[in-house]
Amino acid sequence: MQGLEDGRAFDGADVTRLAGEGDVLAARIVAQGGEALGVAVASMAMVLDIQLYVVGGGVARAGDLLLEPARRTVPECSYPSVCRRVRIVGSELGDDGPILGCGWLARQLLQSGD
């Protein structure tokens, strides 16, 4: 595997950075990842009728470079009545989203007495 100048292997953040800088191969890789995300979202929307998909971590950090291809792919892989309602957004909580969600859920359970 080819590495960076400092000897590290490429990771998703490096590919996203290169795509943002206009690297054609990196942009294609990120777009293909977005399309795969769109297929997964469309599949879940068709089966579970979920309307809002909030993605976090490295996916959210890639922003529209990854999310736009996903959004374009959903209508290609789902019925119009389903895809019209689907929204894909990046988390505004960054890497803290999962722990904040766990804290919120714990608080809800304590307040309800369950």
PDB file of N, CA and C in Angstrom:
ATOM      1  N   MET A   1       0.847  -1.173   0.000  1.00  0.00           N
ATOM      2  CA  MET A   1       0.000   0.000   0.000  1.00  0.00           C
ATOM      3  C   MET A   1       0.893   1.236   0.000  1.00  0.00           C
ATOM      4  N   GLN A   2       0.559   2.141  -0.857  1.00  0.00           N
ATOM      5  CA  GLN A   2       1.326   3.384  -0.938  1.00  0.00           C
ATOM      6  C   GLN A   2       1.053   4.229   0.294  1.00  0.00           C
ATOM      7  N   GLY A   3       2.096   4.911   0.777  1.00  0.00           N
ATOM      8  CA  GLY A   3       1.929   5.735   1.964  1.00  0.00           C
ATOM      9  C   GLY A   3       2.139   7.203   1.660  1.00  0.00           C
ATOM     10  N   LEU A   4       1.957   7.990   2.692  1.00  0.00           N
ATOM     11  CA  LEU A   4       2.182   9.420   2.597  1.00  0.00           C
ATOM     12  C   LEU A   4       3.650   9.715   2.803  1.00  0.00           C
ATOM     13  N   GLU A   5       4.027  10.965   2.628  1.00  0.00           N
ATOM     14  CA  GLU A   5       5.434  11.338   2.776  1.00  0.00           C
ATOM     15  C   GLU A   5       5.984  11.034   4.162  1.00  0.00           C
ATOM     16  N   ASP A   6       5.137  11.080   5.192  1.00  0.00           N
ATOM     17  CA  ASP A   6       5.612  10.805   6.547  1.00  0.00           C
ATOM     18  C   ASP A   6       5.588   9.308   6.878  1.00  0.00           C
ATOM     19  N   GLY A   7       5.272   8.452   5.885  1.00  0.00           N
ATOM     20  CA  GLY A   7       5.303   7.015   6.092  1.00  0.00           C
ATOM     21  C   GLY A   7       3.967   6.399   6.470  1.00  0.00           C
ATOM     22  N   ARG A   8       2.980   7.215   6.813  1.00  0.00           N
ATOM     23  CA  ARG A   8       1.662   6.681   7.162  1.00  0.00           C
ATOM     24  C   ARG A   8       0.955   6.165   5.916  1.00  0.00           C
ATOM     25  N   ALA A   9       0.086   5.201   6.114  1.00  0.00           N
ATOM     26  CA  ALA A   9      -0.779   4.739   5.024  1.00  0.00           C
ATOM     27  C   ALA A   9      -1.905   5.749   4.839  1.00  0.00           C
ATOM     28  N   PHE A  10      -2.446   5.825   3.633  1.00  0.00           N
ATOM     29  CA  PHE A  10      -3.600   6.683   3.379  1.00  0.00           C
ATOM     30  C   PHE A  10      -4.779   6.211   4.218  1.00  0.00           C
ATOM     31  N   ASP A  11      -5.590   7.134   4.672  1.00  0.00           N
ATOM     32  CA  ASP A  11      -6.847   6.779   5.316  1.00  0.00           C
ATOM     33  C   ASP A  11      -7.964   7.609   4.695  1.00  0.00           C
ATOM     34  N   GLY A  12      -9.169   7.431   5.190  1.00  0.00           N
ATOM     35  CA  GLY A  12     -10.317   8.133   4.623  1.00  0.00           C
ATOM     36  C   GLY A  12     -10.182   9.644   4.672  1.00  0.00           C
ATOM     37  N   ALA A  13      -9.612  10.149   5.761  1.00  0.00           N
ATOM     38  CA  ALA A  13      -9.436  11.599   5.886  1.00  0.00           C
ATOM     39  C   ALA A  13      -8.499  12.122   4.801  1.00  0.00           C
ATOM     40  N   ASP A  14      -7.447  11.354   4.495  1.00  0.00           N
ATOM     41  CA  ASP A  14      -6.512  11.773   3.447  1.00  0.00           C
ATOM     42  C   ASP A  14      -7.195  11.778   2.078  1.00  0.00           C
ATOM     43  N   VAL A  15      -7.990  10.760   1.813  1.00  0.00           N
ATOM     44  CA  VAL A  15      -8.688  10.689   0.522  1.00  0.00           C
ATOM     45  C   VAL A  15      -9.679  11.847   0.400  1.00  0.00           C
ATOM     46  N   THR A  16     -10.391  12.141   1.483  1.00  0.00           N
ATOM     47  CA  THR A  16     -11.339  13.254   1.469  1.00  0.00           C
ATOM     48  C   THR A  16     -10.623  14.580   1.248  1.00  0.00           C
ATOM     49  N   ARG A  17      -9.499  14.763   1.925  1.00  0.00           N
ATOM     50  CA  ARG A  17      -8.727  15.998   1.759  1.00  0.00           C
ATOM     51  C   ARG A  17      -8.272  16.157   0.318  1.00  0.00           C
ATOM     52  N   LEU A  18      -7.731  15.079  -0.256  1.00  0.00           N
ATOM     53  CA  LEU A  18      -7.268  15.124  -1.645  1.00  0.00           C
ATOM     54  C   LEU A  18      -8.430  15.398  -2.602  1.00  0.00           C
ATOM     55  N   ALA A  19      -9.591  14.790  -2.342  1.00  0.00           N
ATOM     56  CA  ALA A  19     -10.760  15.040  -3.186  1.00  0.00           C
ATOM     57  C   ALA A  19     -11.155  16.508  -3.121  1.00  0.00           C
ATOM     58  N   GLY A  20     -11.121  17.070  -1.925  1.00  0.00           N
ATOM     59  CA  GLY A  20     -11.443  18.481  -1.760  1.00  0.00           C
ATOM     60  C   GLY A  20     -10.458  19.402  -2.450  1.00  0.00           C
ATOM     61  N   GLU A  21      -9.225  18.916  -2.622  1.00  0.00           N
ATOM     62  CA  GLU A  21      -8.182  19.691  -3.300  1.00  0.00           C
ATOM     63  C   GLU A  21      -8.215  19.487  -4.815  1.00  0.00           C
ATOM     64  N   GLY A  22      -9.156  18.673  -5.285  1.00  0.00           N
ATOM     65  CA  GLY A  22      -9.308  18.500  -6.727  1.00  0.00           C
ATOM     66  C   GLY A  22      -8.668  17.262  -7.320  1.00  0.00           C
ATOM     67  N   ASP A  23      -8.135  16.358  -6.501  1.00  0.00           N
ATOM     68  CA  ASP A  23      -7.543  15.125  -7.012  1.00  0.00           C
ATOM     69  C   ASP A  23      -8.659  14.269  -7.634  1.00  0.00           C
ATOM     70  N   VAL A  24      -8.515  13.954  -8.913  1.00  0.00           N
ATOM     71  CA  VAL A  24      -9.568  13.261  -9.663  1.00  0.00           C
ATOM     72  C   VAL A  24      -9.826  11.860  -9.123  1.00  0.00           C
ATOM     73  N   LEU A  25      -8.775  11.091  -8.855  1.00  0.00           N
ATOM     74  CA  LEU A  25      -8.950   9.726  -8.355  1.00  0.00           C
ATOM     75  C   LEU A  25      -9.598   9.743  -6.973  1.00  0.00           C
ATOM     76  N   ALA A  26      -9.139  10.615  -6.096  1.00  0.00           N
ATOM     77  CA  ALA A  26      -9.718  10.703  -4.753  1.00  0.00           C
ATOM     78  C   ALA A  26     -11.182  11.117  -4.829  1.00  0.00           C
ATOM     79  N   ALA A  27     -11.507  12.056  -5.710  1.00  0.00           N
ATOM     80  CA  ALA A  27     -12.896  12.495  -5.865  1.00  0.00           C
ATOM     81  C   ALA A  27     -13.774  11.347  -6.343  1.00  0.00           C
ATOM     82  N   ARG A  28     -13.234  10.532  -7.227  1.00  0.00           N
ATOM     83  CA  ARG A  28     -14.001   9.382  -7.727  1.00  0.00           C
ATOM     84  C   ARG A  28     -14.227   8.354  -6.615  1.00  0.00           C
ATOM     85  N   ILE A  29     -13.215   8.126  -5.793  1.00  0.00           N
ATOM     86  CA  ILE A  29     -13.344   7.184  -4.679  1.00  0.00           C
ATOM     87  C   ILE A  29     -14.405   7.670  -3.695  1.00  0.00           C
ATOM     88  N   VAL A  30     -14.364   8.955  -3.352  1.00  0.00           N
ATOM     89  CA  VAL A  30     -15.342   9.512  -2.414  1.00  0.00           C
ATOM     90  C   VAL A  30     -16.743   9.449  -3.013  1.00  0.00           C
ATOM     91  N   ALA A  31     -16.877   9.766  -4.293  1.00  0.00           N
ATOM     92  CA  ALA A  31     -18.184   9.710  -4.958  1.00  0.00           C
ATOM     93  C   ALA A  31     -18.735   8.282  -4.961  1.00  0.00           C
ATOM     94  N   GLN A  32     -17.872   7.294  -5.213  1.00  0.00           N
ATOM     95  CA  GLN A  32     -18.327   5.903  -5.200  1.00  0.00           C
ATOM     96  C   GLN A  32     -18.759   5.486  -3.797  1.00  0.00           C
ATOM     97  N   GLY A  33     -18.043   5.972  -2.784  1.00  0.00           N
ATOM     98  CA  GLY A  33     -18.468   5.713  -1.406  1.00  0.00           C
ATOM     99  C   GLY A  33     -19.824   6.336  -1.128  1.00  0.00           C
ATOM    100  N   GLY A  34     -20.037   7.550  -1.629  1.00  0.00           N
ATOM    101  CA  GLY A  34     -21.326   8.211  -1.465  1.00  0.00           C
ATOM    102  C   GLY A  34     -22.440   7.454  -2.154  1.00  0.00           C
ATOM    103  N   GLU A  35     -22.158   6.940  -3.336  1.00  0.00           N
ATOM    104  CA  GLU A  35     -23.165   6.157  -4.058  1.00  0.00           C
ATOM    105  C   GLU A  35     -23.518   4.892  -3.277  1.00  0.00           C
ATOM    106  N   ALA A  36     -22.511   4.238  -2.695  1.00  0.00           N
ATOM    107  CA  ALA A  36     -22.777   3.039  -1.877  1.00  0.00           C
ATOM    108  C   ALA A  36     -23.622   3.406  -0.659  1.00  0.00           C
ATOM    109  N   LEU A  37     -23.332   4.544  -0.052  1.00  0.00           N
ATOM    110  CA  LEU A  37     -24.142   5.019   1.064  1.00  0.00           C
ATOM    111  C   LEU A  37     -25.576   5.255   0.608  1.00  0.00           C
ATOM    112  N   GLY A  38     -25.751   5.834  -0.561  1.00  0.00           N
ATOM    113  CA  GLY A  38     -27.085   6.076  -1.098  1.00  0.00           C
ATOM    114  C   GLY A  38     -27.865   4.793  -1.322  1.00  0.00           C
ATOM    115  N   VAL A  39     -27.195   3.759  -1.802  1.00  0.00           N
ATOM    116  CA  VAL A  39     -27.851   2.459  -1.995  1.00  0.00           C
ATOM    117  C   VAL A  39     -28.303   1.907  -0.641  1.00  0.00           C
ATOM    118  N   ALA A  40     -27.434   2.009   0.368  1.00  0.00           N
ATOM    119  CA  ALA A  40     -27.785   1.514   1.701  1.00  0.00           C
ATOM    120  C   ALA A  40     -28.958   2.293   2.291  1.00  0.00           C
ATOM    121  N   VAL A  41     -28.928   3.610   2.156  1.00  0.00           N
ATOM    122  CA  VAL A  41     -30.024   4.434   2.669  1.00  0.00           C
ATOM    123  C   VAL A  41     -31.320   4.105   1.945  1.00  0.00           C
ATOM    124  N   ALA A  42     -31.270   3.986   0.628  1.00  0.00           N
ATOM    125  CA  ALA A  42     -32.468   3.656  -0.143  1.00  0.00           C
ATOM    126  C   ALA A  42     -33.029   2.307   0.292  1.00  0.00           C
ATOM    127  N   SER A  43     -32.170   1.344   0.511  1.00  0.00           N
ATOM    128  CA  SER A  43     -32.621   0.014   0.944  1.00  0.00           C
ATOM    129  C   SER A  43     -33.313   0.091   2.301  1.00  0.00           C
ATOM    130  N   MET A  44     -32.709   0.813   3.232  1.00  0.00           N
ATOM    131  CA  MET A  44     -33.313   0.944   4.563  1.00  0.00           C
ATOM    132  C   MET A  44     -34.623   1.716   4.487  1.00  0.00           C
ATOM    133  N   ALA A  45     -34.670   2.744   3.654  1.00  0.00           N
ATOM    134  CA  ALA A  45     -35.894   3.532   3.516  1.00  0.00           C
ATOM    135  C   ALA A  45     -37.019   2.680   2.947  1.00  0.00           C
ATOM    136  N   MET A  46     -36.703   1.819   1.993  1.00  0.00           N
ATOM    137  CA  MET A  46     -37.717   0.964   1.392  1.00  0.00           C
ATOM    138  C   MET A  46     -38.251  -0.065   2.391  1.00  0.00           C
ATOM    139  N   VAL A  47     -37.376  -0.592   3.226  1.00  0.00           N
ATOM    140  CA  VAL A  47     -37.776  -1.639   4.157  1.00  0.00           C
ATOM    141  C   VAL A  47     -38.380  -1.067   5.440  1.00  0.00           C
ATOM    142  N   LEU A  48     -37.767  -0.006   5.976  1.00  0.00           N
ATOM    143  CA  LEU A  48     -38.145   0.498   7.292  1.00  0.00           C
ATOM    144  C   LEU A  48     -38.910   1.813   7.274  1.00  0.00           C
ATOM    145  N   ASP A  49     -39.022   2.440   6.117  1.00  0.00           N
ATOM    146  CA  ASP A  49     -39.720   3.719   5.970  1.00  0.00           C
ATOM    147  C   ASP A  49     -39.142   4.789   6.897  1.00  0.00           C
ATOM    148  N   ILE A  50     -37.821   4.807   7.017  1.00  0.00           N
ATOM    149  CA  ILE A  50     -37.138   5.849   7.785  1.00  0.00           C
ATOM    150  C   ILE A  50     -36.945   7.032   6.851  1.00  0.00           C
ATOM    151  N   GLN A  51     -37.186   8.232   7.360  1.00  0.00           N
ATOM    152  CA  GLN A  51     -37.130   9.415   6.508  1.00  0.00           C
ATOM    153  C   GLN A  51     -35.875  10.246   6.705  1.00  0.00           C
ATOM    154  N   LEU A  52     -35.287  10.228   7.890  1.00  0.00           N
ATOM    155  CA  LEU A  52     -34.123  11.063   8.172  1.00  0.00           C
ATOM    156  C   LEU A  52     -32.933  10.186   8.531  1.00  0.00           C
ATOM    157  N   TYR A  53     -31.824  10.399   7.828  1.00  0.00           N
ATOM    158  CA  TYR A  53     -30.585   9.667   8.074  1.00  0.00           C
ATOM    159  C   TYR A  53     -29.516  10.679   8.460  1.00  0.00           C
ATOM    160  N   VAL A  54     -29.032  10.570   9.689  1.00  0.00           N
ATOM    161  CA  VAL A  54     -27.991  11.460  10.183  1.00  0.00           C
ATOM    162  C   VAL A  54     -26.720  10.633  10.261  1.00  0.00           C
ATOM    163  N   VAL A  55     -25.712  11.040   9.514  1.00  0.00           N
ATOM    164  CA  VAL A  55     -24.449  10.308   9.500  1.00  0.00           C
ATOM    165  C   VAL A  55     -23.396  11.124  10.229  1.00  0.00           C
ATOM    166  N   GLY A  56     -22.509  10.437  10.912  1.00  0.00           N
ATOM    167  CA  GLY A  56     -21.496  11.126  11.709  1.00  0.00           C
ATOM    168  C   GLY A  56     -20.105  10.618  11.409  1.00  0.00           C
ATOM    169  N   GLY A  57     -19.177  10.983  12.255  1.00  0.00           N
ATOM    170  CA  GLY A  57     -17.794  10.549  12.129  1.00  0.00           C
ATOM    171  C   GLY A  57     -17.147  11.043  10.851  1.00  0.00           C
ATOM    172  N   GLY A  58     -16.320  10.189  10.264  1.00  0.00           N
ATOM    173  CA  GLY A  58     -15.609  10.544   9.047  1.00  0.00           C
ATOM    174  C   GLY A  58     -16.531  10.822   7.880  1.00  0.00           C
ATOM    175  N   VAL A  59     -17.684  10.165   7.877  1.00  0.00           N
ATOM    176  CA  VAL A  59     -18.652  10.393   6.801  1.00  0.00           C
ATOM    177  C   VAL A  59     -19.140  11.834   6.854  1.00  0.00           C
ATOM    178  N   ALA A  60     -19.481  12.295   8.045  1.00  0.00           N
ATOM    179  CA  ALA A  60     -19.952  13.674   8.194  1.00  0.00           C
ATOM    180  C   ALA A  60     -18.843  14.667   7.872  1.00  0.00           C
ATOM    181  N   ARG A  61     -17.605  14.320   8.234  1.00  0.00           N
ATOM    182  CA  ARG A  61     -16.482  15.227   7.946  1.00  0.00           C
ATOM    183  C   ARG A  61     -16.232  15.350   6.449  1.00  0.00           C
ATOM    184  N   ALA A  62     -16.591  14.341   5.676  1.00  0.00           N
ATOM    185  CA  ALA A  62     -16.437  14.416   4.219  1.00  0.00           C
ATOM    186  C   ALA A  62     -17.461  15.380   3.623  1.00  0.00           C
ATOM    187  N   GLY A  63     -18.541  15.628   4.343  1.00  0.00           N
ATOM    188  CA  GLY A  63     -19.546  16.603   3.927  1.00  0.00           C
ATOM    189  C   GLY A  63     -20.185  16.264   2.596  1.00  0.00           C
ATOM    190  N   ASP A  64     -20.470  17.299   1.836  1.00  0.00           N
ATOM    191  CA  ASP A  64     -21.189  17.126   0.578  1.00  0.00           C
ATOM    192  C   ASP A  64     -20.404  16.353  -0.467  1.00  0.00           C
ATOM    193  N   LEU A  65     -19.087  16.242  -0.312  1.00  0.00           N
ATOM    194  CA  LEU A  65     -18.318  15.420  -1.257  1.00  0.00           C
ATOM    195  C   LEU A  65     -18.853  13.986  -1.246  1.00  0.00           C
ATOM    196  N   LEU A  66     -19.278  13.517  -0.095  1.00  0.00           N
ATOM    197  CA  LEU A  66     -19.807  12.163   0.046  1.00  0.00           C
ATOM    198  C   LEU A  66     -21.334  12.147   0.067  1.00  0.00           C
ATOM    199  N   LEU A  67     -21.940  13.143   0.718  1.00  0.00           N
ATOM    200  CA  LEU A  67     -23.381  13.127   0.907  1.00  0.00           C
ATOM    201  C   LEU A  67     -24.156  13.442  -0.371  1.00  0.00           C
ATOM    202  N   GLU A  68     -23.644  14.300  -1.225  1.00  0.00           N
ATOM    203  CA  GLU A  68     -24.358  14.617  -2.467  1.00  0.00           C
ATOM    204  C   GLU A  68     -24.500  13.404  -3.383  1.00  0.00           C
ATOM    205  N   PRO A  69     -23.428  12.616  -3.606  1.00  0.00           N
ATOM    206  CA  PRO A  69     -23.629  11.400  -4.407  1.00  0.00           C
ATOM    207  C   PRO A  69     -24.635  10.440  -3.761  1.00  0.00           C
ATOM    208  N   ALA A  70     -24.653  10.388  -2.435  1.00  0.00           N
ATOM    209  CA  ALA A  70     -25.635   9.541  -1.743  1.00  0.00           C
ATOM    210  C   ALA A  70     -27.044  10.045  -2.015  1.00  0.00           C
ATOM    211  N   ARG A  71     -27.227  11.343  -1.907  1.00  0.00           N
ATOM    212  CA  ARG A  71     -28.557  11.931  -2.149  1.00  0.00           C
ATOM    213  C   ARG A  71     -29.022  11.703  -3.586  1.00  0.00           C
ATOM    214  N   ARG A  72     -28.093  11.767  -4.541  1.00  0.00           N
ATOM    215  CA  ARG A  72     -28.453  11.549  -5.947  1.00  0.00           C
ATOM    216  C   ARG A  72     -28.794  10.083  -6.220  1.00  0.00           C
ATOM    217  N   THR A  73     -28.207   9.177  -5.440  1.00  0.00           N
ATOM    218  CA  THR A  73     -28.391   7.747  -5.676  1.00  0.00           C
ATOM    219  C   THR A  73     -29.706   7.231  -5.111  1.00  0.00           C
ATOM    220  N   VAL A  74     -30.178   7.807  -4.022  1.00  0.00           N
ATOM    221  CA  VAL A  74     -31.397   7.309  -3.377  1.00  0.00           C
ATOM    222  C   VAL A  74     -32.564   7.205  -4.355  1.00  0.00           C
ATOM    223  N   PRO A  75     -32.858   8.215  -5.169  1.00  0.00           N
ATOM    224  CA  PRO A  75     -33.996   8.083  -6.102  1.00  0.00           C
ATOM    225  C   PRO A  75     -33.811   6.990  -7.151  1.00  0.00           C
ATOM    226  N   GLU A  76     -32.563   6.646  -7.454  1.00  0.00           N
ATOM    227  CA  GLU A  76     -32.302   5.602  -8.443  1.00  0.00           C
ATOM    228  C   GLU A  76     -32.578   4.207  -7.876  1.00  0.00           C
ATOM    229  N   CYS A  77     -32.617   4.103  -6.543  1.00  0.00           N
ATOM    230  CA  CYS A  77     -32.708   2.792  -5.888  1.00  0.00           C
ATOM    231  C   CYS A  77     -33.947   2.625  -5.021  1.00  0.00           C
ATOM    232  N   SER A  78     -34.899   3.533  -5.138  1.00  0.00           N
ATOM    233  CA  SER A  78     -36.113   3.414  -4.337  1.00  0.00           C
ATOM    234  C   SER A  78     -37.295   4.008  -5.108  1.00  0.00           C
ATOM    235  N   TYR A  79     -38.473   3.672  -4.645  1.00  0.00           N
ATOM    236  CA  TYR A  79     -39.685   4.190  -5.269  1.00  0.00           C
ATOM    237  C   TYR A  79     -39.799   5.695  -5.050  1.00  0.00           C
ATOM    238  N   PRO A  80     -40.382   6.404  -6.004  1.00  0.00           N
ATOM    239  CA  PRO A  80     -40.551   7.854  -5.840  1.00  0.00           C
ATOM    240  C   PRO A  80     -41.285   8.241  -4.562  1.00  0.00           C
ATOM    241  N   SER A  81     -42.278   7.462  -4.185  1.00  0.00           N
ATOM    242  CA  SER A  81     -43.031   7.785  -2.971  1.00  0.00           C
ATOM    243  C   SER A  81     -42.164   7.680  -1.719  1.00  0.00           C
ATOM    244  N   VAL A  82     -41.126   6.877  -1.784  1.00  0.00           N
ATOM    245  CA  VAL A  82     -40.214   6.727  -0.650  1.00  0.00           C
ATOM    246  C   VAL A  82     -39.115   7.783  -0.710  1.00  0.00           C
ATOM    247  N   CYS A  83     -38.462   7.911  -1.845  1.00  0.00           N
ATOM    248  CA  CYS A  83     -37.291   8.789  -1.936  1.00  0.00           C
ATOM    249  C   CYS A  83     -37.634  10.262  -1.757  1.00  0.00           C
ATOM    250  N   ARG A  84     -38.866  10.637  -2.057  1.00  0.00           N
ATOM    251  CA  ARG A  84     -39.282  12.041  -1.864  1.00  0.00           C
ATOM    252  C   ARG A  84     -39.140  12.490  -0.425  1.00  0.00           C
ATOM    253  N   ARG A  85     -39.320  11.552   0.511  1.00  0.00           N
ATOM    254  CA  ARG A  85     -39.295  11.891   1.932  1.00  0.00           C
ATOM    255  C   ARG A  85     -37.924  11.736   2.572  1.00  0.00           C
ATOM    256  N   VAL A  86     -36.982  11.113   1.887  1.00  0.00           N
ATOM    257  CA  VAL A  86     -35.677  10.794   2.496  1.00  0.00           C
ATOM    258  C   VAL A  86     -34.773  12.023   2.534  1.00  0.00           C
ATOM    259  N   ARG A  87     -34.174  12.246   3.693  1.00  0.00           N
ATOM    260  CA  ARG A  87     -33.167  13.298   3.857  1.00  0.00           C
ATOM    261  C   ARG A  87     -31.915  12.673   4.460  1.00  0.00           C
ATOM    262  N   ILE A  88     -30.765  13.035   3.913  1.00  0.00           N
ATOM    263  CA  ILE A  88     -29.476  12.584   4.443  1.00  0.00           C
ATOM    264  C   ILE A  88     -28.712  13.827   4.861  1.00  0.00           C
ATOM    265  N   VAL A  89     -28.340  13.891   6.134  1.00  0.00           N
ATOM    266  CA  VAL A  89     -27.612  15.047   6.659  1.00  0.00           C
ATOM    267  C   VAL A  89     -26.414  14.576   7.465  1.00  0.00           C
ATOM    268  N   GLY A  90     -25.434  15.453   7.576  1.00  0.00           N
ATOM    269  CA  GLY A  90     -24.284  15.185   8.425  1.00  0.00           C
ATOM    270  C   GLY A  90     -24.571  15.628   9.848  1.00  0.00           C
ATOM    271  N   SER A  91     -24.044  14.889  10.789  1.00  0.00           N
ATOM    272  CA  SER A  91     -24.228  15.223  12.199  1.00  0.00           C
ATOM    273  C   SER A  91     -23.527  16.533  12.525  1.00  0.00           C
ATOM    274  N   GLU A  92     -24.178  17.336  13.330  1.00  0.00           N
ATOM    275  CA  GLU A  92     -23.565  18.579  13.792  1.00  0.00           C
ATOM    276  C   GLU A  92     -22.832  18.362  15.110  1.00  0.00           C
ATOM    277  N   LEU A  93     -22.878  17.136  15.643  1.00  0.00           N
ATOM    278  CA  LEU A  93     -22.269  16.841  16.935  1.00  0.00           C
ATOM    279  C   LEU A  93     -20.870  16.258  16.808  1.00  0.00           C
ATOM    280  N   GLY A  94     -20.399  16.048  15.588  1.00  0.00           N
ATOM    281  CA  GLY A  94     -19.068  15.487  15.396  1.00  0.00           C
ATOM    282  C   GLY A  94     -18.954  14.097  16.000  1.00  0.00           C
ATOM    283  N   ASP A  95     -17.817  13.799  16.580  1.00  0.00           N
ATOM    284  CA  ASP A  95     -17.573  12.475  17.157  1.00  0.00           C
ATOM    285  C   ASP A  95     -18.269  12.283  18.498  1.00  0.00           C
ATOM    286  N   ASP A  96     -18.866  13.345  19.051  1.00  0.00           N
ATOM    287  CA  ASP A  96     -19.525  13.243  20.353  1.00  0.00           C
ATOM    288  C   ASP A  96     -20.967  12.759  20.254  1.00  0.00           C
ATOM    289  N   GLY A  97     -21.509  12.636  19.061  1.00  0.00           N
ATOM    290  CA  GLY A  97     -22.900  12.236  18.887  1.00  0.00           C
ATOM    291  C   GLY A  97     -23.275  10.956  19.607  1.00  0.00           C
ATOM    292  N   PRO A  98     -22.521   9.864  19.450  1.00  0.00           N
ATOM    293  CA  PRO A  98     -22.917   8.614  20.122  1.00  0.00           C
ATOM    294  C   PRO A  98     -22.951   8.736  21.645  1.00  0.00           C
ATOM    295  N   ILE A  99     -21.964   9.359  22.238  1.00  0.00           N
ATOM    296  CA  ILE A  99     -21.951   9.452  23.699  1.00  0.00           C
ATOM    297  C   ILE A  99     -23.040  10.396  24.193  1.00  0.00           C
ATOM    298  N   LEU A 100     -23.311  11.465  23.445  1.00  0.00           N
ATOM    299  CA  LEU A 100     -24.403  12.361  23.824  1.00  0.00           C
ATOM    300  C   LEU A 100     -25.748  11.654  23.716  1.00  0.00           C
ATOM    301  N   GLY A 101     -25.918  10.842  22.685  1.00  0.00           N
ATOM    302  CA  GLY A 101     -27.147  10.071  22.537  1.00  0.00           C
ATOM    303  C   GLY A 101     -27.325   9.073  23.662  1.00  0.00           C
ATOM    304  N   CYS A 102     -26.240   8.422  24.086  1.00  0.00           N
ATOM    305  CA  CYS A 102     -26.318   7.481  25.207  1.00  0.00           C
ATOM    306  C   CYS A 102     -26.698   8.214  26.496  1.00  0.00           C
ATOM    307  N   GLY A 103     -26.103   9.374  26.694  1.00  0.00           N
ATOM    308  CA  GLY A 103     -26.428  10.166  27.882  1.00  0.00           C
ATOM    309  C   GLY A 103     -27.884  10.585  27.888  1.00  0.00           C
ATOM    310  N   TRP A 104     -28.390  11.017  26.732  1.00  0.00           N
ATOM    311  CA  TRP A 104     -29.796  11.419  26.624  1.00  0.00           C
ATOM    312  C   TRP A 104     -30.708  10.240  26.914  1.00  0.00           C
ATOM    313  N   LEU A 105     -30.389   9.078  26.339  1.00  0.00           N
ATOM    314  CA  LEU A 105     -31.210   7.890  26.553  1.00  0.00           C
ATOM    315  C   LEU A 105     -31.198   7.483  28.024  1.00  0.00           C
ATOM    316  N   ALA A 106     -30.031   7.507  28.668  1.00  0.00           N
ATOM    317  CA  ALA A 106     -29.945   7.166  30.092  1.00  0.00           C
ATOM    318  C   ALA A 106     -30.805   8.115  30.918  1.00  0.00           C
ATOM    319  N   ARG A 107     -30.761   9.380  30.599  1.00  0.00           N
ATOM    320  CA  ARG A 107     -31.573  10.367  31.327  1.00  0.00           C
ATOM    321  C   ARG A 107     -33.056  10.091  31.144  1.00  0.00           C
ATOM    322  N   GLN A 108     -33.450   9.771  29.902  1.00  0.00           N
ATOM    323  CA  GLN A 108     -34.857   9.469  29.640  1.00  0.00           C
ATOM    324  C   GLN A 108     -35.312   8.249  30.451  1.00  0.00           C
ATOM    325  N   LEU A 109     -34.469   7.233  30.501  1.00  0.00           N
ATOM    326  CA  LEU A 109     -34.822   6.025  31.249  1.00  0.00           C
ATOM    327  C   LEU A 109     -34.921   6.298  32.751  1.00  0.00           C
ATOM    328  N   LEU A 110     -34.021   7.106  33.269  1.00  0.00           N
ATOM    329  CA  LEU A 110     -34.067   7.458  34.695  1.00  0.00           C
ATOM    330  C   LEU A 110     -35.329   8.270  35.019  1.00  0.00           C
ATOM    331  N   GLN A 111     -35.693   9.173  34.147  1.00  0.00           N
ATOM    332  CA  GLN A 111     -36.872  10.004  34.385  1.00  0.00           C
ATOM    333  C   GLN A 111     -38.173   9.218  34.268  1.00  0.00           C
ATOM    334  N   SER A 112     -38.170   8.193  33.423  1.00  0.00           N
ATOM    335  CA  SER A 112     -39.401   7.413  33.237  1.00  0.00           C
ATOM    336  C   SER A 112     -39.538   6.302  34.271  1.00  0.00           C
ATOM    337  N   GLY A 113     -38.458   6.008  34.985  1.00  0.00           N
ATOM    338  CA  GLY A 113     -38.499   4.968  36.011  1.00  0.00           C
ATOM    339  C   GLY A 113     -38.333   3.555  35.493  1.00  0.00           C
ATOM    340  N   ASP A 114     -37.981   3.392  34.229  1.00  0.00           N
ATOM    341  CA  ASP A 114     -37.789   2.038  33.651  1.00  0.00           C
ATOM    342  C   ASP A 114     -36.466   1.441  34.045  1.00  0.00           C
TER     343      ASP A 114
END
